[in-house]
Amino acid sequence: MFCFGVPSMFVSPAPVRFALTQRDDSRRGGITVLMAFVLPMLALLAAFCINLAQMQLVKTELAIATDAAARAGGRAFSEEQTVEAAKTAARLTAAMNEVAGEPYQLDTDDSANEFEFGVSAQTDGNTGRFYFTKVPTSDVAANLVAVSSVRINGKRTDDSLLGPVPFIFPNTFSIGDFSPVASATAMQVDRDISLVLDRSGSMDWKTYDWPDDADPWGEDSLVSAEDAGIVDLEWRYRNGRPQYIRRVSYNRGYDEYDLYDHAWEEVFGLGPAPNTPWEDLVLAVDAFLRVLDQTPQNEQVSIASYNSHGTLDCWLLDDFDSVRAAVAQLGPNGSTGIGNGMNSGKTAFTHENARPYASKTMVVMTDGNHNYGTQPNTVAQQMMSSSNLNIQTVTFGGGADQETMQEVAVTGLGRHYHADSGDELVSAFEEIANNLPTILTN
């Protein structure tokens, strides 16, 4: 091919290819050096991020285990009132939570300082942060001091049972493990308590479980009662000699229960005569208030009662002698309107004496079956829909409607207790008094 008369020439591309190959090899060498520097840095950064994520995860797991152990220990101490029960509950609950892939082991030995008793209080008494003051566990066990809080100091450190946590990628930045710590305090809070008491007619009925050989209407028993001035006996005579008792009449101020009590105690020597359910309830309320007197919290108690109708007999008070005096003025009679009593009891929570930040508890007691007015579970549902509280229920004796009161307790997020004897009734009220609400303060 010719151009302007000059033949065209073929130019070999080999030199060009040689020049490109030199530049490419130069680039490849630069990238290799760069990657040799960057890849280890990326690996180190990845290891650091994974270790950091592990630290955050383990710290969260430890916080959960610590919170759960503190709440369980505080609750057990509230209910059982023993140091060992609180320690056992905290230790077992902690072990139900995994920290770094293994059940957390809480050291409850006093020297480990992982389980502590103390008192939590706000500096100004009303608002602000709660501060924990430690109390020696030995003093608590010896009942030398009242406490309100349980603190758990969770840790995975050199001096803990499980030791520090090894990193997934150890020796990154020359560090092989880490030592997370967490703390949680469970505090028992103040309560406003409304006691709703059954004063229906059945609360005045005594039950005597007579042995087979004990008859209060036997001649010996009646003669002894006449000697005691309880009854006057009219005899049937024959030939000038008394043959049998024709009629028994009670002297002024005495009744059948006095005759039975005399026979039980003096004639047959069976010990103290049975109480009426109302008398047992008065003793149970007194035991309830005596327990509250020993707690470090500031509780207030109101009294409502019911027969056919409900009455509020005293507002929320922290003067328990005044509460006892209000109960002493009451007496049993009439039908059983449990719901009416609950409606009266709830008004205590809206009175000016009620504290807005206190935990609210209603305790409803009955020995019978609701037979007048609003159904108790209906009242419980209404209360729970509009108020933040819990409802505990207590039934007493074989004639009480346990099923209905269990439903009320379930609705009220509380617990149902049943007592067959006066001693069991006292125990139930004492347990309710000890069963304080628990909150975590940190």
Protein backbone atom coordinates (compact mmCIF):
# COMPACT_ATOMS: atom_id res chain seq x y z
CA MET A 1 0.00 0.00 0.00
CA PHE A 2 1.29 3.41 -0.89
CA CYS A 3 0.56 6.82 0.58
CA PHE A 4 1.68 9.97 -1.17
CA GLY A 5 3.96 7.78 -3.19
CA VAL A 6 5.83 6.41 -0.18
CA PRO A 7 5.35 2.78 0.60
CA SER A 8 3.91 2.11 4.10
CA MET A 9 6.05 0.24 6.58
CA PHE A 10 5.01 -2.44 9.14
CA VAL A 11 5.97 -1.49 12.73
CA SER A 12 6.50 -4.33 15.16
CA PRO A 13 4.39 -4.06 18.36
CA ALA A 14 6.90 -5.97 20.47
CA PRO A 15 8.54 -2.90 22.03
CA VAL A 16 5.16 -1.57 23.05
CA ARG A 17 4.21 -4.81 24.71
CA PHE A 18 7.46 -4.82 26.60
CA ALA A 19 6.84 -1.34 27.97
CA LEU A 20 3.31 -2.27 29.22
CA THR A 21 4.62 -5.41 30.90
CA GLN A 22 7.14 -3.41 32.86
CA ARG A 23 4.46 -1.02 34.21
CA ASP A 24 2.10 -3.90 35.13
CA ASP A 25 4.76 -5.69 37.06
CA SER A 26 5.52 -2.49 38.90
CA ARG A 27 1.86 -2.14 39.95
CA ARG A 28 1.71 -5.74 41.03
CA GLY A 29 4.68 -5.22 43.26
CA GLY A 30 3.12 -2.14 44.90
CA ILE A 31 -0.18 -3.91 45.62
CA THR A 32 1.66 -6.86 47.12
CA VAL A 33 3.51 -4.59 49.49
CA LEU A 34 0.25 -2.78 50.35
CA MET A 35 -1.65 -6.02 51.02
CA ALA A 36 1.21 -7.33 53.10
CA PHE A 37 0.67 -4.32 55.36
CA VAL A 38 -3.16 -4.03 55.23
CA LEU A 39 -4.20 -7.68 55.66
CA PRO A 40 -2.56 -8.13 59.08
CA MET A 41 -4.07 -4.82 60.16
CA LEU A 42 -7.52 -5.95 58.99
CA ALA A 43 -7.10 -9.25 60.83
CA LEU A 44 -6.00 -7.42 63.97
CA LEU A 45 -8.93 -5.01 63.68
CA ALA A 46 -11.37 -7.89 63.15
CA ALA A 47 -10.00 -9.70 66.20
CA PHE A 48 -10.31 -6.49 68.23
CA CYS A 49 -13.96 -5.99 67.14
CA ILE A 50 -14.86 -9.60 67.93
CA ASN A 51 -13.22 -9.34 71.36
CA LEU A 52 -14.98 -6.04 71.98
CA ALA A 53 -18.35 -7.59 71.07
CA GLN A 54 -17.54 -10.51 73.38
CA MET A 55 -16.83 -8.09 76.22
CA GLN A 56 -20.16 -6.33 75.74
CA LEU A 57 -22.05 -9.63 75.55
CA VAL A 58 -20.44 -11.05 78.69
CA LYS A 59 -20.97 -7.79 80.57
CA THR A 60 -24.68 -7.93 79.68
CA GLU A 61 -24.92 -11.58 80.70
CA LEU A 62 -23.24 -10.82 84.03
CA ALA A 63 -25.61 -7.88 84.64
CA ILE A 64 -28.64 -10.13 83.97
CA ALA A 65 -27.33 -12.85 86.29
CA THR A 66 -26.55 -10.29 88.99
CA ASP A 67 -29.98 -8.64 88.75
CA ALA A 68 -31.75 -12.01 88.91
CA ALA A 69 -29.68 -13.16 91.89
CA ALA A 70 -30.30 -9.92 93.78
CA ARG A 71 -34.05 -10.09 93.20
CA ALA A 72 -34.21 -13.77 94.22
CA GLY A 73 -32.11 -13.19 97.33
CA GLY A 74 -34.16 -10.18 98.37
CA ARG A 75 -37.43 -12.02 97.84
CA ALA A 76 -36.26 -15.09 99.77
CA PHE A 77 -35.05 -12.95 102.67
CA SER A 78 -38.39 -11.13 102.72
CA GLU A 79 -40.36 -14.38 102.82
CA GLU A 80 -38.13 -16.64 104.91
CA GLN A 81 -36.36 -14.04 107.07
CA THR A 82 -33.12 -16.06 107.22
CA VAL A 83 -29.66 -15.31 105.87
CA GLU A 84 -29.16 -18.83 104.52
CA ALA A 85 -32.44 -18.80 102.59
CA ALA A 86 -31.43 -15.55 100.90
CA LYS A 87 -27.96 -16.83 100.03
CA THR A 88 -29.28 -20.11 98.68
CA ALA A 89 -31.89 -18.44 96.48
CA ALA A 90 -29.32 -15.99 95.10
CA ARG A 91 -26.76 -18.70 94.39
CA LEU A 92 -29.22 -21.05 92.66
CA THR A 93 -30.74 -18.25 90.60
CA ALA A 94 -27.30 -17.03 89.52
CA ALA A 95 -26.42 -20.55 88.35
CA MET A 96 -29.48 -20.55 86.08
CA ASN A 97 -27.87 -17.79 84.01
CA GLU A 98 -24.87 -18.38 81.74
CA VAL A 99 -21.98 -15.93 81.67
CA ALA A 100 -19.37 -16.50 78.97
CA GLY A 101 -20.87 -19.88 78.12
CA GLU A 102 -21.02 -21.39 81.61
CA PRO A 103 -23.43 -21.13 84.58
CA TYR A 104 -22.49 -18.21 86.76
CA GLN A 105 -21.16 -19.20 90.19
CA LEU A 106 -21.89 -16.72 92.96
CA ASP A 107 -19.61 -16.96 95.99
CA THR A 108 -21.87 -16.38 99.01
CA ASP A 109 -19.08 -16.72 101.56
CA ASP A 110 -18.98 -13.56 103.67
CA SER A 111 -15.29 -13.00 102.96
CA ALA A 112 -15.92 -12.86 99.18
CA ASN A 113 -18.10 -9.74 99.48
CA GLU A 114 -20.23 -10.90 96.55
CA PHE A 115 -23.40 -11.18 98.68
CA GLU A 116 -24.11 -8.32 101.08
CA PHE A 117 -26.92 -7.09 103.33
CA GLY A 118 -27.57 -3.44 104.01
CA VAL A 119 -29.93 -0.50 104.16
CA SER A 120 -30.92 1.59 101.12
CA ALA A 121 -32.10 5.14 101.59
CA GLN A 122 -32.47 8.37 99.68
CA THR A 123 -30.27 11.17 100.96
CA ASP A 124 -33.16 13.60 101.43
CA GLY A 125 -35.64 10.94 102.49
CA ASN A 126 -38.03 11.51 99.58
CA THR A 127 -36.42 11.80 96.16
CA GLY A 128 -33.20 11.14 94.32
CA ARG A 129 -30.84 8.21 94.14
CA PHE A 130 -30.88 5.36 96.65
CA TYR A 131 -27.59 4.77 98.47
CA PHE A 132 -26.64 1.41 99.94
CA THR A 133 -25.00 1.10 103.37
CA LYS A 134 -23.54 -2.32 104.10
CA VAL A 135 -24.38 -4.16 107.34
CA PRO A 136 -22.29 -7.12 108.58
CA THR A 137 -23.99 -10.40 107.67
CA SER A 138 -23.24 -11.77 111.14
CA ASP A 139 -25.32 -8.99 112.68
CA VAL A 140 -28.21 -9.78 110.35
CA ALA A 141 -28.02 -13.51 111.15
CA ALA A 142 -28.07 -12.71 114.87
CA ASN A 143 -31.12 -10.42 114.44
CA LEU A 144 -29.15 -7.50 115.84
CA VAL A 145 -30.19 -5.10 113.10
CA ALA A 146 -32.99 -4.75 110.54
CA VAL A 147 -32.01 -4.46 106.89
CA SER A 148 -33.92 -3.51 103.78
CA SER A 149 -31.61 -4.50 100.92
CA VAL A 150 -29.57 -7.30 99.40
CA ARG A 151 -26.66 -6.38 97.11
CA ILE A 152 -24.95 -8.75 94.69
CA ASN A 153 -21.46 -7.85 93.46
CA GLY A 154 -21.10 -10.04 90.40
CA LYS A 155 -17.62 -10.49 88.94
CA ARG A 156 -15.43 -12.63 86.72
CA THR A 157 -12.07 -11.64 88.14
CA ASP A 158 -8.97 -13.40 89.44
CA ASP A 159 -10.52 -13.77 92.91
CA SER A 160 -13.93 -15.03 91.71
CA LEU A 161 -14.94 -18.69 91.52
CA LEU A 162 -14.77 -18.82 87.70
CA GLY A 163 -11.87 -16.43 87.21
CA PRO A 164 -11.47 -13.92 84.36
CA VAL A 165 -12.97 -14.48 80.90
CA PRO A 166 -10.50 -15.48 78.14
CA PHE A 167 -10.82 -13.57 74.88
CA ILE A 168 -11.98 -15.40 71.75
CA PHE A 169 -8.77 -14.10 70.15
CA PRO A 170 -6.33 -14.01 73.08
CA ASN A 171 -3.16 -11.95 73.22
CA THR A 172 -4.56 -9.34 70.87
CA PHE A 173 -2.63 -6.24 71.86
CA SER A 174 -0.90 -8.52 74.41
CA ILE A 175 -4.12 -9.04 76.44
CA GLY A 176 -5.41 -12.59 76.98
CA ASP A 177 -8.52 -12.09 79.14
CA PHE A 178 -10.80 -9.52 80.75
CA SER A 179 -12.53 -9.11 84.13
CA PRO A 180 -16.12 -7.78 83.97
CA VAL A 181 -17.96 -6.71 87.14
CA ALA A 182 -21.61 -5.79 87.82
CA SER A 183 -23.62 -4.81 90.88
CA ALA A 184 -27.35 -4.98 91.69
CA THR A 185 -29.27 -4.06 94.84
CA ALA A 186 -32.73 -5.42 95.61
CA MET A 187 -34.62 -3.22 98.08
CA GLN A 188 -37.86 -3.82 99.92
CA VAL A 189 -40.18 -0.86 99.47
CA ASP A 190 -42.69 0.89 101.74
CA ARG A 191 -46.28 -0.34 101.60
CA ASP A 192 -49.78 1.01 102.10
CA ILE A 193 -51.89 -1.98 103.19
CA SER A 194 -55.67 -2.22 103.31
CA LEU A 195 -56.92 -5.09 105.52
CA VAL A 196 -60.47 -6.16 104.59
CA LEU A 197 -61.90 -8.28 107.42
CA ASP A 198 -64.95 -10.55 107.52
CA ARG A 199 -67.25 -9.71 110.44
CA SER A 200 -70.27 -11.69 109.29
CA GLY A 201 -72.29 -13.75 111.77
CA SER A 202 -70.38 -16.96 111.10
CA MET A 203 -67.25 -15.34 112.52
CA ASP A 204 -68.89 -15.67 115.96
CA TRP A 205 -69.49 -19.42 115.70
CA LYS A 206 -67.26 -21.70 117.73
CA THR A 207 -66.38 -25.23 116.70
CA TYR A 208 -65.65 -27.83 119.39
CA ASP A 209 -64.12 -31.15 118.43
CA TRP A 210 -65.30 -33.19 121.41
CA PRO A 211 -63.65 -36.52 122.23
CA ASP A 212 -65.97 -39.52 122.32
CA ASP A 213 -65.97 -39.67 126.13
CA ALA A 214 -66.62 -35.95 126.63
CA ASP A 215 -70.24 -34.78 126.76
CA PRO A 216 -70.80 -31.16 127.81
CA TRP A 217 -74.46 -32.01 128.42
CA GLY A 218 -73.62 -34.87 130.76
CA GLU A 219 -74.74 -34.66 134.37
CA ASP A 220 -71.26 -34.16 135.79
CA SER A 221 -70.56 -31.33 133.36
CA LEU A 222 -73.85 -29.58 134.08
CA VAL A 223 -73.48 -29.86 137.84
CA SER A 224 -69.99 -28.36 137.58
CA ALA A 225 -71.39 -25.53 135.45
CA GLU A 226 -74.07 -24.88 138.06
CA ASP A 227 -71.41 -24.75 140.78
CA ALA A 228 -69.56 -22.18 138.62
CA GLY A 229 -72.71 -20.04 138.38
CA ILE A 230 -73.12 -20.52 134.62
CA VAL A 231 -76.42 -22.42 134.63
CA ASP A 232 -79.35 -23.15 136.93
CA LEU A 233 -80.57 -26.75 136.97
CA GLU A 234 -84.13 -27.94 137.61
CA TRP A 235 -84.20 -31.53 138.82
CA ARG A 236 -86.87 -34.20 138.70
CA TYR A 237 -87.24 -35.72 142.18
CA ARG A 238 -88.59 -39.07 143.30
CA ASN A 239 -88.96 -40.00 146.94
CA GLY A 240 -87.19 -36.81 147.84
CA ARG A 241 -84.13 -37.66 145.83
CA PRO A 242 -83.05 -36.02 142.51
CA GLN A 243 -83.50 -38.43 139.63
CA TYR A 244 -82.52 -36.46 136.54
CA ILE A 245 -82.22 -32.92 135.19
CA ARG A 246 -85.48 -31.65 133.74
CA ARG A 247 -84.38 -28.24 132.54
CA VAL A 248 -81.21 -26.16 132.10
CA SER A 249 -81.39 -22.36 132.12
CA TYR A 250 -78.49 -19.95 131.71
CA ASN A 251 -77.83 -17.38 134.36
CA ARG A 252 -77.67 -13.74 133.33
CA GLY A 253 -74.61 -12.96 131.20
CA TYR A 254 -73.93 -16.56 130.20
CA ASP A 255 -74.74 -18.64 127.13
CA GLU A 256 -74.07 -21.99 125.53
CA TYR A 257 -70.46 -21.10 124.67
CA ASP A 258 -69.75 -20.44 128.37
CA LEU A 259 -71.11 -23.87 129.22
CA TYR A 260 -68.98 -25.51 126.52
CA ASP A 261 -65.87 -23.56 127.49
CA HIS A 262 -66.29 -24.58 131.14
CA ALA A 263 -66.73 -28.23 130.21
CA TRP A 264 -63.76 -28.13 127.83
CA GLU A 265 -61.35 -26.53 130.26
CA GLU A 266 -62.53 -27.43 133.77
CA VAL A 267 -64.45 -30.70 133.47
CA PHE A 268 -62.53 -32.58 130.77
CA GLY A 269 -59.19 -30.75 130.98
CA LEU A 270 -58.78 -30.37 127.23
CA GLY A 271 -56.73 -27.19 127.45
CA PRO A 272 -57.77 -23.69 126.43
CA ALA A 273 -61.22 -23.58 124.88
CA PRO A 274 -61.43 -22.93 121.12
CA ASN A 275 -61.72 -19.34 119.97
CA THR A 276 -64.38 -17.99 117.71
CA PRO A 277 -63.10 -17.24 114.19
CA TRP A 278 -63.32 -13.54 115.04
CA GLU A 279 -61.12 -13.98 118.12
CA ASP A 280 -58.58 -15.86 116.00
CA LEU A 281 -58.71 -13.08 113.40
CA VAL A 282 -58.03 -10.41 116.04
CA LEU A 283 -54.95 -12.39 117.12
CA ALA A 284 -53.84 -12.74 113.50
CA VAL A 285 -54.16 -9.00 112.86
CA ASP A 286 -52.14 -8.31 116.00
CA ALA A 287 -49.42 -10.72 114.80
CA PHE A 288 -49.49 -9.02 111.39
CA LEU A 289 -48.91 -5.60 112.97
CA ARG A 290 -46.16 -6.94 115.25
CA VAL A 291 -44.26 -8.19 112.19
CA LEU A 292 -44.61 -4.81 110.50
CA ASP A 293 -43.23 -3.19 113.65
CA GLN A 294 -39.96 -5.09 113.06
CA THR A 295 -39.44 -4.19 109.40
CA PRO A 296 -37.19 -1.26 108.42
CA GLN A 297 -39.80 -0.04 105.94
CA ASN A 298 -42.51 2.43 106.85
CA GLU A 299 -45.84 0.67 106.36
CA GLN A 300 -49.29 2.15 106.77
CA VAL A 301 -52.34 -0.01 107.48
CA SER A 302 -56.05 0.69 107.12
CA ILE A 303 -58.97 -1.44 108.31
CA ALA A 304 -62.13 -2.13 106.33
CA SER A 305 -64.69 -4.72 107.40
CA TYR A 306 -67.88 -6.19 106.08
CA ASN A 307 -70.99 -8.17 106.87
CA SER A 308 -73.88 -7.41 104.56
CA HIS A 309 -72.31 -4.01 103.94
CA GLY A 310 -68.76 -2.72 103.99
CA THR A 311 -67.29 0.00 106.18
CA LEU A 312 -63.92 1.74 106.27
CA ASP A 313 -63.06 1.62 109.97
CA CYS A 314 -59.76 3.54 109.91
CA TRP A 315 -57.70 5.31 107.26
CA LEU A 316 -54.11 4.36 106.45
CA LEU A 317 -52.10 4.86 109.64
CA ASP A 318 -48.58 4.08 110.81
CA ASP A 319 -49.78 4.15 114.44
CA PHE A 320 -50.58 0.46 114.83
CA ASP A 321 -52.07 0.86 118.30
CA SER A 322 -54.77 3.00 116.70
CA VAL A 323 -55.30 0.25 114.12
CA ARG A 324 -55.69 -2.32 116.91
CA ALA A 325 -58.17 -0.04 118.66
CA ALA A 326 -60.25 0.16 115.46
CA VAL A 327 -60.40 -3.65 115.25
CA ALA A 328 -61.37 -3.89 118.92
CA GLN A 329 -64.49 -1.80 118.22
CA LEU A 330 -65.81 -4.30 115.68
CA GLY A 331 -68.00 -7.35 116.22
CA PRO A 332 -69.46 -10.08 113.98
CA ASN A 333 -73.05 -10.25 112.71
CA GLY A 334 -75.00 -10.30 109.45
CA SER A 335 -74.41 -11.74 105.98
CA THR A 336 -71.21 -11.99 103.89
CA GLY A 337 -70.73 -9.22 101.32
CA ILE A 338 -67.07 -9.66 100.39
CA GLY A 339 -67.22 -7.37 97.36
CA ASN A 340 -68.80 -4.61 99.44
CA GLY A 341 -65.93 -4.87 101.91
CA MET A 342 -63.36 -4.63 99.10
CA ASN A 343 -65.07 -1.51 97.75
CA SER A 344 -64.79 0.06 101.19
CA GLY A 345 -61.17 -1.01 101.54
CA LYS A 346 -60.06 0.50 98.23
CA THR A 347 -61.18 3.98 99.29
CA ALA A 348 -58.23 4.04 101.70
CA PHE A 349 -55.87 4.21 98.71
CA THR A 350 -57.45 7.46 97.49
CA HIS A 351 -57.34 9.24 100.84
CA GLU A 352 -54.81 12.01 101.50
CA ASN A 353 -52.93 9.65 103.85
CA ALA A 354 -52.10 7.34 100.93
CA ARG A 355 -48.57 7.78 99.56
CA PRO A 356 -48.28 8.01 95.76
CA TYR A 357 -45.01 6.06 95.57
CA ALA A 358 -45.76 3.36 98.15
CA SER A 359 -46.60 -0.16 96.99
CA LYS A 360 -50.29 -0.87 97.55
CA THR A 361 -51.57 -4.19 98.89
CA MET A 362 -55.08 -5.31 99.80
CA VAL A 363 -55.55 -8.34 102.07
CA VAL A 364 -59.06 -9.84 101.96
CA MET A 365 -60.05 -12.37 104.64
CA THR A 366 -63.21 -14.49 104.88
CA ASP A 367 -64.44 -17.62 106.64
CA GLY A 368 -67.50 -18.17 104.48
CA ASN A 369 -69.20 -17.75 101.13
CA HIS A 370 -70.11 -14.49 99.45
CA ASN A 371 -73.89 -14.12 99.62
CA TYR A 372 -74.68 -10.41 99.41
CA GLY A 373 -73.86 -7.55 97.06
CA THR A 374 -71.21 -7.25 94.34
CA GLN A 375 -69.16 -10.33 93.53
CA PRO A 376 -65.59 -10.05 94.91
CA ASN A 377 -63.89 -10.96 91.62
CA THR A 378 -65.88 -8.24 89.83
CA VAL A 379 -64.51 -5.70 92.30
CA ALA A 380 -61.00 -7.12 91.86
CA GLN A 381 -61.22 -6.73 88.08
CA GLN A 382 -62.40 -3.14 88.42
CA MET A 383 -59.59 -2.31 90.84
CA MET A 384 -56.87 -3.88 88.69
CA SER A 385 -58.07 -2.03 85.60
CA SER A 386 -57.65 1.36 87.28
CA SER A 387 -55.07 0.94 90.05
CA ASN A 388 -51.55 -0.40 90.49
CA LEU A 389 -51.82 -2.80 93.43
CA ASN A 390 -51.91 -6.47 94.35
CA ILE A 391 -54.58 -8.41 96.23
CA GLN A 392 -53.83 -11.20 98.70
CA THR A 393 -56.68 -13.42 99.92
CA VAL A 394 -57.05 -15.53 103.06
CA THR A 395 -59.73 -18.13 103.71
CA PHE A 396 -60.32 -19.60 107.16
CA GLY A 397 -62.03 -22.85 108.10
CA GLY A 398 -63.69 -25.66 106.22
CA GLY A 399 -66.73 -23.61 105.18
CA ALA A 400 -64.83 -20.91 103.31
CA ASP A 401 -65.16 -20.57 99.52
CA GLN A 402 -61.54 -21.17 98.56
CA GLU A 403 -62.19 -21.35 94.82
CA THR A 404 -63.68 -17.86 94.58
CA MET A 405 -60.94 -16.32 96.69
CA GLN A 406 -58.28 -18.06 94.61
CA GLU A 407 -59.79 -16.37 91.56
CA VAL A 408 -59.64 -12.99 93.32
CA ALA A 409 -55.97 -13.56 94.14
CA VAL A 410 -55.17 -14.48 90.54
CA THR A 411 -56.99 -11.39 89.27
CA GLY A 412 -55.15 -9.25 91.83
CA LEU A 413 -51.71 -10.69 90.92
CA GLY A 414 -51.44 -11.92 94.49
CA ARG A 415 -51.52 -15.19 96.40
CA HIS A 416 -54.24 -17.15 98.15
CA TYR A 417 -53.68 -18.53 101.66
CA HIS A 418 -55.90 -21.02 103.49
CA ALA A 419 -55.94 -21.68 107.23
CA ASP A 420 -57.78 -24.47 109.02
CA SER A 421 -56.84 -23.36 112.53
CA GLY A 422 -56.16 -20.19 114.46
CA ASP A 423 -52.42 -20.92 114.48
CA GLU A 424 -52.43 -21.32 110.69
CA LEU A 425 -54.32 -18.05 110.33
CA VAL A 426 -51.67 -16.25 112.38
CA SER A 427 -48.94 -17.83 110.24
CA ALA A 428 -50.67 -16.72 107.03
CA PHE A 429 -50.92 -13.11 108.20
CA GLU A 430 -47.30 -13.15 109.37
CA GLU A 431 -46.16 -14.45 105.99
CA ILE A 432 -48.09 -11.72 104.17
CA ALA A 433 -46.51 -9.11 106.44
CA ASN A 434 -43.05 -10.47 105.66
CA ASN A 435 -43.70 -10.75 101.94
CA LEU A 436 -42.47 -7.29 100.96
CA PRO A 437 -42.36 -6.03 97.36
CA THR A 438 -38.87 -5.93 95.87
CA ILE A 439 -37.34 -3.39 93.47
CA LEU A 440 -33.87 -3.08 91.95
CA THR A 441 -32.30 0.26 92.81
CA ASN A 442 -29.24 0.04 90.57
